[in-house]
Amino acid sequence: MFQKFKLALALLVVASSFLSCSSSKDVVYFQDATQFETLVDDNTFTTKFKVDDLVSIHISTLDPEASAPFNLYRASDEGGGVRPEQVNYLVDKSGEIDFPVIGKVKIEGLSPSETRDLLREKLKDYLKDPIINIRIRNFTVTILGAVNRPGTYPINGEQITIMEALGYAGDINIKGRRDNVMVIRDFDGTKVYNRINLNKKDALKSPVYYLTQNDVVYVEPNKSGKTQSNLDQRASIIVSIVSLVITSTVVLLR
């Protein structure tokens, strides 16, 4: 009887280990990268403006009065007291913004640098050596699925990698697939679905390694995650272990 109990206990230990562990090949990023290996980042990704982007554009020169007509402001009473607040430009369905004095300017498909050059060319008859600051104001990415903190995150700057975005979301959890992460990208109302394998170093060369504004990153659950119910992970493991122990004990004690 005691030997049978010991055998049941051993089965319990093995089952617990099996349920709580995942293979390293499933959870290790860039696992085929070797020691001191050098990989040149030849990804030429540049953020491009899209329809419905909100864009901040500020024009300045040595003569503030000369550049003032090219900057739009509105009155704001946030923080106590009325103060001017710069107005953002909306890229309309035609891919254009309505810019003061010079009128409609098409910037859809242009990078901030290209837009800066375009505006500088259009302003040359009005301003001397203008300084043009451009920034996307609604750059967000949404991270969903098997991550620790799913949500929509605002991005500062013009570029973000998928690894940085997953960092915002607290990383992929133990039940997420790193070898088949989906990036959903919008092009003028058309959704484009791309998949990237983060277990491989070639992920750095993927067209979706750098994210664009309003991208959605979806981390698919692995087999364990798909079969799990809405129960808490710990509760599910405990139920599985108890069930196995009871079944094994009944069989061994017969």
Protein backbone atom coordinates (compact mmCIF):
# COMPACT_ATOMS: atom_id res chain seq x y z
CA MET A 1 0.00 0.00 0.00
CA PHE A 2 2.78 2.45 0.94
CA GLN A 3 4.61 1.70 -2.33
CA LYS A 4 1.46 2.46 -4.29
CA PHE A 5 1.06 5.76 -2.43
CA LYS A 6 4.66 6.67 -3.27
CA LEU A 7 4.00 5.88 -6.91
CA ALA A 8 0.92 8.12 -6.90
CA LEU A 9 2.94 10.91 -5.32
CA ALA A 10 5.61 10.55 -8.01
CA LEU A 11 2.94 10.85 -10.68
CA LEU A 12 1.74 14.01 -8.98
CA VAL A 13 5.21 15.58 -9.16
CA VAL A 14 5.66 14.65 -12.82
CA ALA A 15 2.22 15.96 -13.73
CA SER A 16 2.83 19.23 -11.91
CA SER A 17 6.13 19.74 -13.72
CA PHE A 18 4.56 18.95 -17.06
CA LEU A 19 1.71 21.37 -16.58
CA SER A 20 3.79 24.28 -15.33
CA CYS A 21 6.68 24.17 -17.81
CA SER A 22 6.99 25.20 -21.44
CA SER A 23 9.65 24.26 -23.91
CA SER A 24 12.36 26.89 -24.31
CA LYS A 25 11.89 26.74 -28.07
CA ASP A 26 8.43 28.25 -27.58
CA VAL A 27 9.38 31.21 -25.39
CA VAL A 28 12.90 32.31 -26.37
CA TYR A 29 13.20 35.29 -28.71
CA PHE A 30 15.72 35.21 -31.59
CA GLN A 31 16.89 31.76 -30.47
CA ASP A 32 18.90 31.12 -33.65
CA ALA A 33 21.19 34.12 -33.03
CA THR A 34 24.72 32.97 -32.17
CA GLN A 35 27.22 34.45 -29.74
CA PHE A 36 28.63 37.82 -30.92
CA GLU A 37 26.78 37.49 -34.21
CA THR A 38 26.36 40.79 -36.06
CA LEU A 39 23.20 41.50 -37.97
CA VAL A 40 23.11 44.73 -39.96
CA ASP A 41 19.74 46.48 -39.77
CA ASP A 42 19.06 47.25 -43.42
CA ASN A 43 15.37 47.88 -42.83
CA THR A 44 14.60 51.17 -44.58
CA PHE A 45 11.27 51.70 -42.84
CA THR A 46 10.08 55.30 -42.57
CA THR A 47 6.80 56.44 -41.05
CA LYS A 48 4.38 57.74 -43.68
CA PHE A 49 1.32 59.87 -43.11
CA LYS A 50 -2.07 58.21 -43.49
CA VAL A 51 -5.64 59.41 -43.87
CA ASP A 52 -7.12 60.52 -40.51
CA ASP A 53 -3.70 61.23 -39.00
CA LEU A 54 -3.49 64.22 -36.69
CA VAL A 55 -0.34 66.17 -37.47
CA SER A 56 1.29 68.95 -35.51
CA ILE A 57 3.16 71.44 -37.71
CA HIS A 58 4.91 74.49 -36.30
CA ILE A 59 6.67 77.09 -38.43
CA SER A 60 9.24 79.43 -36.91
CA THR A 61 11.71 82.01 -38.24
CA LEU A 62 13.93 84.76 -36.89
CA ASP A 63 10.94 87.07 -37.44
CA PRO A 64 8.04 85.74 -35.30
CA GLU A 65 5.58 88.17 -36.87
CA ALA A 66 6.36 86.86 -40.35
CA SER A 67 5.80 83.20 -39.39
CA ALA A 68 2.72 83.84 -37.20
CA PRO A 69 0.16 83.57 -40.06
CA PHE A 70 1.37 80.04 -40.79
CA ASN A 71 0.57 78.71 -37.32
CA LEU A 72 -2.96 78.04 -36.12
CA TYR A 73 -3.93 78.49 -32.46
CA ARG A 74 -7.09 78.34 -30.43
CA ALA A 75 -7.92 79.56 -26.94
CA SER A 76 -7.63 76.95 -24.19
CA ASP A 77 -8.59 77.34 -20.53
CA GLU A 78 -6.95 74.11 -19.31
CA GLY A 79 -4.85 74.51 -16.17
CA GLY A 80 -6.52 77.80 -15.23
CA GLY A 81 -6.45 80.90 -17.34
CA VAL A 82 -6.88 81.25 -21.09
CA ARG A 83 -3.81 80.47 -23.17
CA PRO A 84 -3.20 79.75 -26.86
CA GLU A 85 -3.02 76.11 -27.93
CA GLN A 86 -1.73 75.00 -31.30
CA VAL A 87 -4.25 73.35 -33.60
CA ASN A 88 -3.40 69.98 -35.17
CA TYR A 89 -4.02 69.29 -38.85
CA LEU A 90 -6.24 66.39 -39.91
CA VAL A 91 -5.25 64.44 -43.02
CA ASP A 92 -8.57 64.29 -44.86
CA LYS A 93 -9.94 61.53 -47.09
CA SER A 94 -8.08 63.05 -50.04
CA GLY A 95 -4.81 62.78 -48.13
CA GLU A 96 -4.57 66.56 -47.75
CA ILE A 97 -4.27 69.11 -44.96
CA ASP A 98 -5.62 72.64 -45.18
CA PHE A 99 -2.59 74.78 -44.43
CA PRO A 100 -2.81 78.54 -43.70
CA VAL A 101 -2.12 80.91 -46.59
CA ILE A 102 -0.89 78.23 -49.05
CA GLY A 103 -4.09 76.12 -48.94
CA LYS A 104 -4.43 72.39 -49.56
CA VAL A 105 -1.27 70.32 -49.32
CA LYS A 106 -1.25 66.57 -50.03
CA ILE A 107 0.91 64.75 -47.48
CA GLU A 108 -0.57 61.25 -47.50
CA GLY A 109 2.21 58.76 -48.22
CA LEU A 110 4.93 61.24 -47.34
CA SER A 111 7.32 60.90 -44.42
CA PRO A 112 7.72 63.79 -41.94
CA SER A 113 11.05 64.60 -43.61
CA GLU A 114 9.46 64.66 -47.09
CA THR A 115 6.59 66.79 -45.79
CA ARG A 116 9.09 69.21 -44.28
CA ASP A 117 10.83 69.59 -47.64
CA LEU A 118 7.51 70.07 -49.43
CA LEU A 119 6.37 72.80 -47.05
CA ARG A 120 9.73 74.51 -47.19
CA GLU A 121 9.41 74.68 -50.98
CA LYS A 122 5.87 76.10 -50.76
CA LEU A 123 6.87 78.66 -48.14
CA LYS A 124 9.98 79.97 -49.87
CA ASP A 125 8.07 82.92 -51.37
CA TYR A 126 6.82 83.94 -47.91
CA LEU A 127 9.52 83.07 -45.39
CA LYS A 128 13.30 82.99 -45.27
CA ASP A 129 14.91 79.85 -43.85
CA PRO A 130 11.86 78.59 -41.94
CA ILE A 131 12.28 75.97 -39.23
CA ILE A 132 9.54 73.36 -39.61
CA ASN A 133 8.72 70.97 -36.76
CA ILE A 134 6.37 68.09 -37.62
CA ARG A 135 4.96 65.41 -35.35
CA ILE A 136 2.22 62.77 -35.54
CA ARG A 137 -0.13 63.39 -32.63
CA ASN A 138 -2.27 60.23 -32.83
CA PHE A 139 0.48 57.60 -33.14
CA THR A 140 -0.87 54.67 -31.15
CA VAL A 141 -0.51 50.89 -31.35
CA THR A 142 -2.90 48.32 -29.91
CA ILE A 143 -1.58 45.11 -28.36
CA LEU A 144 -4.09 42.29 -27.87
CA GLY A 145 -4.15 38.60 -27.04
CA ALA A 146 -1.76 36.63 -24.83
CA VAL A 147 0.18 39.55 -23.33
CA ASN A 148 0.34 40.69 -19.73
CA ARG A 149 -1.12 44.18 -20.23
CA PRO A 150 -3.25 44.36 -23.41
CA GLY A 151 -4.32 47.83 -24.46
CA THR A 152 -3.78 50.80 -26.73
CA TYR A 153 -0.55 52.72 -26.17
CA PRO A 154 0.42 56.23 -27.34
CA ILE A 155 3.83 56.39 -28.97
CA ASN A 156 6.27 59.26 -28.67
CA GLY A 157 8.45 59.77 -31.70
CA GLU A 158 8.15 58.56 -35.27
CA GLN A 159 9.23 54.91 -34.96
CA ILE A 160 8.64 51.94 -32.71
CA THR A 161 9.57 48.28 -33.14
CA ILE A 162 7.25 45.40 -32.36
CA MET A 163 9.57 44.41 -29.49
CA GLU A 164 9.27 47.86 -27.93
CA ALA A 165 5.49 47.74 -28.31
CA LEU A 166 5.34 44.34 -26.60
CA GLY A 167 7.43 45.86 -23.83
CA TYR A 168 4.67 48.41 -23.23
CA ALA A 169 2.24 45.50 -22.93
CA GLY A 170 4.38 43.70 -20.34
CA ASP A 171 5.68 41.10 -22.83
CA ILE A 172 4.00 38.00 -24.23
CA ASN A 173 2.86 35.73 -21.41
CA ILE A 174 3.69 32.04 -21.09
CA LYS A 175 0.56 31.07 -23.03
CA GLY A 176 1.33 33.21 -26.09
CA ARG A 177 2.84 32.09 -29.37
CA ARG A 178 5.98 34.00 -30.27
CA ASP A 179 6.36 32.23 -33.59
CA ASN A 180 3.16 33.53 -35.17
CA VAL A 181 2.42 37.08 -34.03
CA MET A 182 -0.06 38.89 -36.25
CA VAL A 183 0.17 42.58 -37.18
CA ILE A 184 -2.98 44.12 -38.66
CA ARG A 185 -2.23 47.25 -40.67
CA ASP A 186 -4.66 49.66 -42.30
CA PHE A 187 -4.10 51.17 -45.75
CA ASP A 188 -6.91 53.57 -46.68
CA GLY A 189 -9.57 51.34 -45.17
CA THR A 190 -8.03 48.09 -46.38
CA LYS A 191 -6.79 45.75 -43.66
CA VAL A 192 -3.53 43.95 -44.37
CA TYR A 193 -2.59 40.96 -42.20
CA ASN A 194 1.08 40.10 -41.66
CA ARG A 195 2.67 37.47 -39.44
CA ILE A 196 6.09 37.56 -37.80
CA ASN A 197 8.10 34.83 -36.07
CA LEU A 198 9.84 36.39 -33.06
CA ASN A 199 11.67 33.13 -32.30
CA LYS A 200 13.89 33.80 -35.32
CA LYS A 201 16.47 36.54 -35.84
CA ASP A 202 15.07 37.18 -39.32
CA ALA A 203 12.17 38.89 -37.57
CA LEU A 204 14.30 42.03 -37.62
CA LYS A 205 13.97 42.05 -41.42
CA SER A 206 10.19 41.67 -41.42
CA PRO A 207 8.16 44.50 -42.99
CA VAL A 208 6.18 44.70 -39.74
CA TYR A 209 9.14 44.72 -37.33
CA TYR A 210 8.68 48.50 -37.32
CA LEU A 211 5.08 49.40 -36.54
CA THR A 212 3.07 52.22 -38.06
CA GLN A 213 0.40 54.37 -36.47
CA ASN A 214 -2.78 52.50 -35.48
CA ASP A 215 -1.28 49.04 -36.06
CA VAL A 216 -2.90 46.21 -34.11
CA VAL A 217 -0.62 43.47 -32.77
CA TYR A 218 -2.36 40.22 -31.88
CA VAL A 219 -0.55 37.47 -29.99
CA GLU A 220 -2.21 34.13 -30.60
CA PRO A 221 -2.54 31.74 -27.63
CA ASN A 222 -0.63 28.49 -27.82
CA LYS A 223 -2.26 25.08 -27.51
CA SER A 224 -2.38 25.34 -23.75
CA GLY A 225 -4.01 28.75 -23.93
CA LYS A 226 -6.60 27.63 -26.48
CA THR A 227 -7.77 24.71 -24.37
CA GLN A 228 -7.89 26.69 -21.13
CA SER A 229 -11.29 27.86 -19.93
CA ASN A 230 -12.06 31.18 -18.34
CA LEU A 231 -10.74 29.86 -15.06
CA ASP A 232 -7.64 31.42 -13.56
CA GLN A 233 -4.47 29.68 -14.73
CA ARG A 234 -3.56 28.49 -11.25
CA ALA A 235 -7.02 27.14 -10.58
CA SER A 236 -6.94 25.27 -13.88
CA ILE A 237 -3.59 23.66 -13.05
CA ILE A 238 -4.73 22.67 -9.56
CA VAL A 239 -7.91 21.09 -10.92
CA SER A 240 -5.91 19.12 -13.49
CA ILE A 241 -3.41 17.89 -10.88
CA VAL A 242 -6.07 16.90 -8.34
CA SER A 243 -8.01 15.05 -11.01
CA LEU A 244 -4.91 13.15 -12.09
CA VAL A 245 -3.94 12.24 -8.52
CA ILE A 246 -7.44 11.00 -7.65
CA THR A 247 -7.62 8.89 -10.80
CA SER A 248 -4.13 7.43 -10.27
CA THR A 249 -4.76 6.71 -6.61
CA VAL A 250 -8.02 4.90 -7.31
CA VAL A 251 -6.34 2.76 -9.98
CA LEU A 252 -3.33 1.91 -7.78
CA LEU A 253 -5.37 1.07 -4.70
CA ARG A 254 -7.62 -1.44 -6.43
